[in-house]
Amino acid sequence: METCKPAPTPTAMGIKLCKDDYIKSVNPTLYKSMVGSLMYLTHTHPNIMYAVSLVSRFMENPRASHLQAAKRIL
């Protein structure tokens, strides 16, 4: 993530995340760890609460699009 560009908002406008079975799945442990850390940060940064709640819905079976959305919050 050292070469990534900063985003002005934690989520993209009109983002629609869904449970697609045909999209590549990612490591659930990594995803849960990332979302858990973001949930901890919502206590001091309430402006990311909506974005974190959006990605936390998919902790059971995370896909690549969900991980990309979580990385955007970071």
PDB file of N, CA and C in Angstrom:
ATOM      1  N   MET A   1       0.810  -1.192   0.000  1.00  0.00           N
ATOM      2  CA  MET A   1       0.000   0.000   0.000  1.00  0.00           C
ATOM      3  C   MET A   1       0.860   1.265   0.000  1.00  0.00           C
ATOM      4  N   GLU A   2       2.169   1.100  -0.124  1.00  0.00           N
ATOM      5  CA  GLU A   2       3.054   2.255  -0.125  1.00  0.00           C
ATOM      6  C   GLU A   2       2.894   3.102  -1.378  1.00  0.00           C
ATOM      7  N   THR A   3       2.511   2.503  -2.485  1.00  0.00           N
ATOM      8  CA  THR A   3       2.416   3.233  -3.743  1.00  0.00           C
ATOM      9  C   THR A   3       0.988   3.638  -4.082  1.00  0.00           C
ATOM     10  N   CYS A   4       0.065   3.530  -3.142  1.00  0.00           N
ATOM     11  CA  CYS A   4      -1.333   3.854  -3.450  1.00  0.00           C
ATOM     12  C   CYS A   4      -1.570   5.356  -3.365  1.00  0.00           C
ATOM     13  N   LYS A   5      -2.617   5.794  -4.038  1.00  0.00           N
ATOM     14  CA  LYS A   5      -2.992   7.201  -4.034  1.00  0.00           C
ATOM     15  C   LYS A   5      -4.035   7.434  -2.939  1.00  0.00           C
ATOM     16  N   PRO A   6      -3.985   8.568  -2.247  1.00  0.00           N
ATOM     17  CA  PRO A   6      -5.005   8.854  -1.235  1.00  0.00           C
ATOM     18  C   PRO A   6      -6.353   9.157  -1.893  1.00  0.00           C
ATOM     19  N   ALA A   7      -7.413   8.742  -1.237  1.00  0.00           N
ATOM     20  CA  ALA A   7      -8.765   8.984  -1.743  1.00  0.00           C
ATOM     21  C   ALA A   7      -9.437  10.055  -0.881  1.00  0.00           C
ATOM     22  N   PRO A   8     -10.225  10.929  -1.489  1.00  0.00           N
ATOM     23  CA  PRO A   8     -10.861  11.993  -0.703  1.00  0.00           C
ATOM     24  C   PRO A   8     -11.986  11.490   0.213  1.00  0.00           C
ATOM     25  N   THR A   9     -12.590  10.361  -0.124  1.00  0.00           N
ATOM     26  CA  THR A   9     -13.671   9.807   0.690  1.00  0.00           C
ATOM     27  C   THR A   9     -13.379   8.340   0.978  1.00  0.00           C
ATOM     28  N   PRO A  10     -13.917   7.800   2.095  1.00  0.00           N
ATOM     29  CA  PRO A  10     -13.640   6.399   2.413  1.00  0.00           C
ATOM     30  C   PRO A  10     -14.340   5.393   1.503  1.00  0.00           C
ATOM     31  N   THR A  11     -15.413   5.791   0.828  1.00  0.00           N
ATOM     32  CA  THR A  11     -16.075   4.897  -0.127  1.00  0.00           C
ATOM     33  C   THR A  11     -16.309   5.631  -1.436  1.00  0.00           C
ATOM     34  N   ALA A  12     -16.405   4.858  -2.492  1.00  0.00           N
ATOM     35  CA  ALA A  12     -16.712   5.439  -3.796  1.00  0.00           C
ATOM     36  C   ALA A  12     -18.207   5.754  -3.861  1.00  0.00           C
ATOM     37  N   MET A  13     -18.556   6.759  -4.602  1.00  0.00           N
ATOM     38  CA  MET A  13     -19.969   7.133  -4.741  1.00  0.00           C
ATOM     39  C   MET A  13     -20.740   6.021  -5.435  1.00  0.00           C
ATOM     40  N   GLY A  14     -21.854   5.627  -4.856  1.00  0.00           N
ATOM     41  CA  GLY A  14     -22.725   4.635  -5.466  1.00  0.00           C
ATOM     42  C   GLY A  14     -22.177   3.224  -5.453  1.00  0.00           C
ATOM     43  N   ILE A  15     -21.308   2.903  -4.515  1.00  0.00           N
ATOM     44  CA  ILE A  15     -20.732   1.561  -4.465  1.00  0.00           C
ATOM     45  C   ILE A  15     -21.804   0.558  -4.056  1.00  0.00           C
ATOM     46  N   LYS A  16     -21.823  -0.570  -4.741  1.00  0.00           N
ATOM     47  CA  LYS A  16     -22.774  -1.635  -4.446  1.00  0.00           C
ATOM     48  C   LYS A  16     -21.987  -2.930  -4.282  1.00  0.00           C
ATOM     49  N   LEU A  17     -21.822  -3.343  -3.049  1.00  0.00           N
ATOM     50  CA  LEU A  17     -21.136  -4.597  -2.766  1.00  0.00           C
ATOM     51  C   LEU A  17     -22.174  -5.694  -2.620  1.00  0.00           C
ATOM     52  N   CYS A  18     -21.898  -6.855  -3.188  1.00  0.00           N
ATOM     53  CA  CYS A  18     -22.836  -7.973  -3.087  1.00  0.00           C
ATOM     54  C   CYS A  18     -22.062  -9.276  -2.976  1.00  0.00           C
ATOM     55  N   LYS A  19     -22.769 -10.330  -2.615  1.00  0.00           N
ATOM     56  CA  LYS A  19     -22.142 -11.645  -2.481  1.00  0.00           C
ATOM     57  C   LYS A  19     -22.154 -12.339  -3.835  1.00  0.00           C
ATOM     58  N   ASP A  20     -21.119 -12.135  -4.623  1.00  0.00           N
ATOM     59  CA  ASP A  20     -20.991 -12.789  -5.923  1.00  0.00           C
ATOM     60  C   ASP A  20     -20.111 -14.012  -5.775  1.00  0.00           C
ATOM     61  N   ASP A  21     -20.603 -15.144  -6.193  1.00  0.00           N
ATOM     62  CA  ASP A  21     -19.841 -16.379  -6.073  1.00  0.00           C
ATOM     63  C   ASP A  21     -18.773 -16.528  -7.151  1.00  0.00           C
ATOM     64  N   TYR A  22     -18.889 -15.789  -8.232  1.00  0.00           N
ATOM     65  CA  TYR A  22     -17.939 -15.949  -9.330  1.00  0.00           C
ATOM     66  C   TYR A  22     -16.705 -15.059  -9.175  1.00  0.00           C
ATOM     67  N   ILE A  23     -16.691 -14.161  -8.196  1.00  0.00           N
ATOM     68  CA  ILE A  23     -15.526 -13.310  -7.952  1.00  0.00           C
ATOM     69  C   ILE A  23     -14.569 -14.059  -7.027  1.00  0.00           C
ATOM     70  N   LYS A  24     -13.287 -13.898  -7.253  1.00  0.00           N
ATOM     71  CA  LYS A  24     -12.255 -14.604  -6.492  1.00  0.00           C
ATOM     72  C   LYS A  24     -12.363 -14.281  -5.000  1.00  0.00           C
ATOM     73  N   SER A  25     -12.314 -15.320  -4.171  1.00  0.00           N
ATOM     74  CA  SER A  25     -12.363 -15.105  -2.725  1.00  0.00           C
ATOM     75  C   SER A  25     -10.970 -14.766  -2.210  1.00  0.00           C
ATOM     76  N   VAL A  26     -10.914 -14.129  -1.048  1.00  0.00           N
ATOM     77  CA  VAL A  26      -9.649 -13.725  -0.442  1.00  0.00           C
ATOM     78  C   VAL A  26      -9.497 -14.422   0.912  1.00  0.00           C
ATOM     79  N   ASN A  27      -8.347 -14.261   1.520  1.00  0.00           N
ATOM     80  CA  ASN A  27      -8.067 -14.857   2.813  1.00  0.00           C
ATOM     81  C   ASN A  27      -9.009 -14.259   3.870  1.00  0.00           C
ATOM     82  N   PRO A  28      -9.914 -15.060   4.447  1.00  0.00           N
ATOM     83  CA  PRO A  28     -10.873 -14.514   5.411  1.00  0.00           C
ATOM     84  C   PRO A  28     -10.209 -13.998   6.690  1.00  0.00           C
ATOM     85  N   THR A  29      -9.099 -14.592   7.098  1.00  0.00           N
ATOM     86  CA  THR A  29      -8.423 -14.137   8.311  1.00  0.00           C
ATOM     87  C   THR A  29      -7.855 -12.737   8.134  1.00  0.00           C
ATOM     88  N   LEU A  30      -7.251 -12.480   6.993  1.00  0.00           N
ATOM     89  CA  LEU A  30      -6.721 -11.152   6.696  1.00  0.00           C
ATOM     90  C   LEU A  30      -7.848 -10.130   6.643  1.00  0.00           C
ATOM     91  N   TYR A  31      -8.940 -10.491   5.983  1.00  0.00           N
ATOM     92  CA  TYR A  31     -10.068  -9.572   5.840  1.00  0.00           C
ATOM     93  C   TYR A  31     -10.690  -9.262   7.207  1.00  0.00           C
ATOM     94  N   LYS A  32     -10.892 -10.277   8.042  1.00  0.00           N
ATOM     95  CA  LYS A  32     -11.485 -10.065   9.362  1.00  0.00           C
ATOM     96  C   LYS A  32     -10.578  -9.211  10.237  1.00  0.00           C
ATOM     97  N   SER A  33      -9.286  -9.424  10.129  1.00  0.00           N
ATOM     98  CA  SER A  33      -8.338  -8.622  10.889  1.00  0.00           C
ATOM     99  C   SER A  33      -8.383  -7.162  10.465  1.00  0.00           C
ATOM    100  N   MET A  34      -8.445  -6.932   9.157  1.00  0.00           N
ATOM    101  CA  MET A  34      -8.494  -5.573   8.637  1.00  0.00           C
ATOM    102  C   MET A  34      -9.777  -4.865   9.057  1.00  0.00           C
ATOM    103  N   VAL A  35     -10.907  -5.547   8.932  1.00  0.00           N
ATOM    104  CA  VAL A  35     -12.189  -4.940   9.294  1.00  0.00           C
ATOM    105  C   VAL A  35     -12.261  -4.716  10.804  1.00  0.00           C
ATOM    106  N   GLY A  36     -11.716  -5.633  11.585  1.00  0.00           N
ATOM    107  CA  GLY A  36     -11.684  -5.451  13.031  1.00  0.00           C
ATOM    108  C   GLY A  36     -10.879  -4.233  13.436  1.00  0.00           C
ATOM    109  N   SER A  37      -9.762  -4.023  12.787  1.00  0.00           N
ATOM    110  CA  SER A  37      -8.952  -2.834  13.068  1.00  0.00           C
ATOM    111  C   SER A  37      -9.687  -1.563  12.666  1.00  0.00           C
ATOM    112  N   LEU A  38     -10.398  -1.616  11.551  1.00  0.00           N
ATOM    113  CA  LEU A  38     -11.181  -0.450  11.128  1.00  0.00           C
ATOM    114  C   LEU A  38     -12.323  -0.173  12.096  1.00  0.00           C
ATOM    115  N   MET A  39     -12.934  -1.220  12.632  1.00  0.00           N
ATOM    116  CA  MET A  39     -14.008  -1.029  13.611  1.00  0.00           C
ATOM    117  C   MET A  39     -13.465  -0.356  14.873  1.00  0.00           C
ATOM    118  N   TYR A  40     -12.263  -0.722  15.270  1.00  0.00           N
ATOM    119  CA  TYR A  40     -11.636  -0.086  16.418  1.00  0.00           C
ATOM    120  C   TYR A  40     -11.397   1.404  16.144  1.00  0.00           C
ATOM    121  N   LEU A  41     -11.022   1.726  14.920  1.00  0.00           N
ATOM    122  CA  LEU A  41     -10.755   3.123  14.566  1.00  0.00           C
ATOM    123  C   LEU A  41     -12.013   3.985  14.520  1.00  0.00           C
ATOM    124  N   THR A  42     -13.182   3.377  14.402  1.00  0.00           N
ATOM    125  CA  THR A  42     -14.412   4.179  14.327  1.00  0.00           C
ATOM    126  C   THR A  42     -14.696   4.925  15.625  1.00  0.00           C
ATOM    127  N   HIS A  43     -14.081   4.521  16.728  1.00  0.00           N
ATOM    128  CA  HIS A  43     -14.281   5.238  17.989  1.00  0.00           C
ATOM    129  C   HIS A  43     -13.635   6.614  17.960  1.00  0.00           C
ATOM    130  N   THR A  44     -12.542   6.744  17.251  1.00  0.00           N
ATOM    131  CA  THR A  44     -11.870   8.031  17.179  1.00  0.00           C
ATOM    132  C   THR A  44     -12.114   8.749  15.854  1.00  0.00           C
ATOM    133  N   HIS A  45     -12.549   8.019  14.837  1.00  0.00           N
ATOM    134  CA  HIS A  45     -12.839   8.599  13.519  1.00  0.00           C
ATOM    135  C   HIS A  45     -14.257   8.206  13.096  1.00  0.00           C
ATOM    136  N   PRO A  46     -15.280   8.873  13.619  1.00  0.00           N
ATOM    137  CA  PRO A  46     -16.652   8.468  13.288  1.00  0.00           C
ATOM    138  C   PRO A  46     -17.044   8.709  11.832  1.00  0.00           C
ATOM    139  N   ASN A  47     -16.248   9.449  11.086  1.00  0.00           N
ATOM    140  CA  ASN A  47     -16.571   9.702   9.685  1.00  0.00           C
ATOM    141  C   ASN A  47     -16.413   8.461   8.807  1.00  0.00           C
ATOM    142  N   ILE A  48     -15.758   7.415   9.289  1.00  0.00           N
ATOM    143  CA  ILE A  48     -15.610   6.190   8.504  1.00  0.00           C
ATOM    144  C   ILE A  48     -16.608   5.111   8.914  1.00  0.00           C
ATOM    145  N   MET A  49     -17.539   5.446   9.804  1.00  0.00           N
ATOM    146  CA  MET A  49     -18.464   4.449  10.345  1.00  0.00           C
ATOM    147  C   MET A  49     -19.307   3.797   9.249  1.00  0.00           C
ATOM    148  N   TYR A  50     -19.862   4.577   8.333  1.00  0.00           N
ATOM    149  CA  TYR A  50     -20.702   4.008   7.277  1.00  0.00           C
ATOM    150  C   TYR A  50     -19.897   3.056   6.398  1.00  0.00           C
ATOM    151  N   ALA A  51     -18.722   3.457   6.001  1.00  0.00           N
ATOM    152  CA  ALA A  51     -17.901   2.631   5.120  1.00  0.00           C
ATOM    153  C   ALA A  51     -17.494   1.327   5.809  1.00  0.00           C
ATOM    154  N   VAL A  52     -17.156   1.390   7.081  1.00  0.00           N
ATOM    155  CA  VAL A  52     -16.756   0.193   7.809  1.00  0.00           C
ATOM    156  C   VAL A  52     -17.941  -0.744   7.987  1.00  0.00           C
ATOM    157  N   SER A  53     -19.107  -0.193   8.283  1.00  0.00           N
ATOM    158  CA  SER A  53     -20.290  -1.055   8.421  1.00  0.00           C
ATOM    159  C   SER A  53     -20.654  -1.704   7.092  1.00  0.00           C
ATOM    160  N   LEU A  54     -20.375  -1.036   6.002  1.00  0.00           N
ATOM    161  CA  LEU A  54     -20.648  -1.594   4.682  1.00  0.00           C
ATOM    162  C   LEU A  54     -19.765  -2.806   4.401  1.00  0.00           C
ATOM    163  N   VAL A  55     -18.476  -2.715   4.692  1.00  0.00           N
ATOM    164  CA  VAL A  55     -17.583  -3.841   4.417  1.00  0.00           C
ATOM    165  C   VAL A  55     -17.680  -4.935   5.474  1.00  0.00           C
ATOM    166  N   SER A  56     -18.156  -4.599   6.671  1.00  0.00           N
ATOM    167  CA  SER A  56     -18.254  -5.616   7.722  1.00  0.00           C
ATOM    168  C   SER A  56     -19.396  -6.596   7.478  1.00  0.00           C
ATOM    169  N   ARG A  57     -20.272  -6.304   6.563  1.00  0.00           N
ATOM    170  CA  ARG A  57     -21.382  -7.213   6.233  1.00  0.00           C
ATOM    171  C   ARG A  57     -20.903  -8.480   5.536  1.00  0.00           C
ATOM    172  N   PHE A  58     -19.718  -8.473   5.004  1.00  0.00           N
ATOM    173  CA  PHE A  58     -19.232  -9.578   4.186  1.00  0.00           C
ATOM    174  C   PHE A  58     -18.078 -10.324   4.842  1.00  0.00           C
ATOM    175  N   MET A  59     -18.058 -10.373   6.161  1.00  0.00           N
ATOM    176  CA  MET A  59     -16.957 -11.034   6.863  1.00  0.00           C
ATOM    177  C   MET A  59     -17.029 -12.551   6.765  1.00  0.00           C
ATOM    178  N   GLU A  60     -18.179 -13.102   6.476  1.00  0.00           N
ATOM    179  CA  GLU A  60     -18.323 -14.553   6.390  1.00  0.00           C
ATOM    180  C   GLU A  60     -17.640 -15.122   5.148  1.00  0.00           C
ATOM    181  N   ASN A  61     -17.823 -14.445   4.019  1.00  0.00           N
ATOM    182  CA  ASN A  61     -17.286 -14.946   2.762  1.00  0.00           C
ATOM    183  C   ASN A  61     -16.759 -13.765   1.935  1.00  0.00           C
ATOM    184  N   PRO A  62     -15.592 -13.214   2.297  1.00  0.00           N
ATOM    185  CA  PRO A  62     -15.103 -12.021   1.605  1.00  0.00           C
ATOM    186  C   PRO A  62     -14.598 -12.323   0.199  1.00  0.00           C
ATOM    187  N   ARG A  63     -14.810 -11.384  -0.674  1.00  0.00           N
ATOM    188  CA  ARG A  63     -14.362 -11.465  -2.068  1.00  0.00           C
ATOM    189  C   ARG A  63     -13.369 -10.355  -2.351  1.00  0.00           C
ATOM    190  N   ALA A  64     -12.784 -10.372  -3.504  1.00  0.00           N
ATOM    191  CA  ALA A  64     -11.759  -9.390  -3.872  1.00  0.00           C
ATOM    192  C   ALA A  64     -12.323  -7.969  -3.891  1.00  0.00           C
ATOM    193  N   SER A  65     -13.563  -7.799  -4.311  1.00  0.00           N
ATOM    194  CA  SER A  65     -14.160  -6.457  -4.338  1.00  0.00           C
ATOM    195  C   SER A  65     -14.360  -5.915  -2.928  1.00  0.00           C
ATOM    196  N   HIS A  66     -14.656  -6.792  -1.973  1.00  0.00           N
ATOM    197  CA  HIS A  66     -14.823  -6.363  -0.587  1.00  0.00           C
ATOM    198  C   HIS A  66     -13.473  -5.930   0.005  1.00  0.00           C
ATOM    199  N   LEU A  67     -12.421  -6.673  -0.320  1.00  0.00           N
ATOM    200  CA  LEU A  67     -11.087  -6.307   0.163  1.00  0.00           C
ATOM    201  C   LEU A  67     -10.638  -4.991  -0.443  1.00  0.00           C
ATOM    202  N   GLN A  68     -10.961  -4.763  -1.688  1.00  0.00           N
ATOM    203  CA  GLN A  68     -10.608  -3.497  -2.334  1.00  0.00           C
ATOM    204  C   GLN A  68     -11.325  -2.326  -1.658  1.00  0.00           C
ATOM    205  N   ALA A  69     -12.584  -2.520  -1.284  1.00  0.00           N
ATOM    206  CA  ALA A  69     -13.328  -1.473  -0.593  1.00  0.00           C
ATOM    207  C   ALA A  69     -12.738  -1.208   0.792  1.00  0.00           C
ATOM    208  N   ALA A  70     -12.304  -2.256   1.479  1.00  0.00           N
ATOM    209  CA  ALA A  70     -11.690  -2.091   2.801  1.00  0.00           C
ATOM    210  C   ALA A  70     -10.345  -1.361   2.680  1.00  0.00           C
ATOM    211  N   LYS A  71      -9.592  -1.656   1.662  1.00  0.00           N
ATOM    212  CA  LYS A  71      -8.309  -0.986   1.453  1.00  0.00           C
ATOM    213  C   LYS A  71      -8.509   0.494   1.144  1.00  0.00           C
ATOM    214  N   ARG A  72      -9.608   0.835   0.477  1.00  0.00           N
ATOM    215  CA  ARG A  72      -9.890   2.236   0.174  1.00  0.00           C
ATOM    216  C   ARG A  72     -10.121   3.028   1.467  1.00  0.00           C
ATOM    217  N   ILE A  73     -10.737   2.379   2.456  1.00  0.00           N
ATOM    218  CA  ILE A  73     -10.950   3.059   3.734  1.00  0.00           C
ATOM    219  C   ILE A  73      -9.616   3.370   4.407  1.00  0.00           C
ATOM    220  N   LEU A  74      -8.679   2.439   4.286  1.00  0.00           N
ATOM    221  CA  LEU A  74      -7.353   2.666   4.882  1.00  0.00           C
ATOM    222  C   LEU A  74      -6.657   3.836   4.203  1.00  0.00           C
TER     223      LEU A  74
END
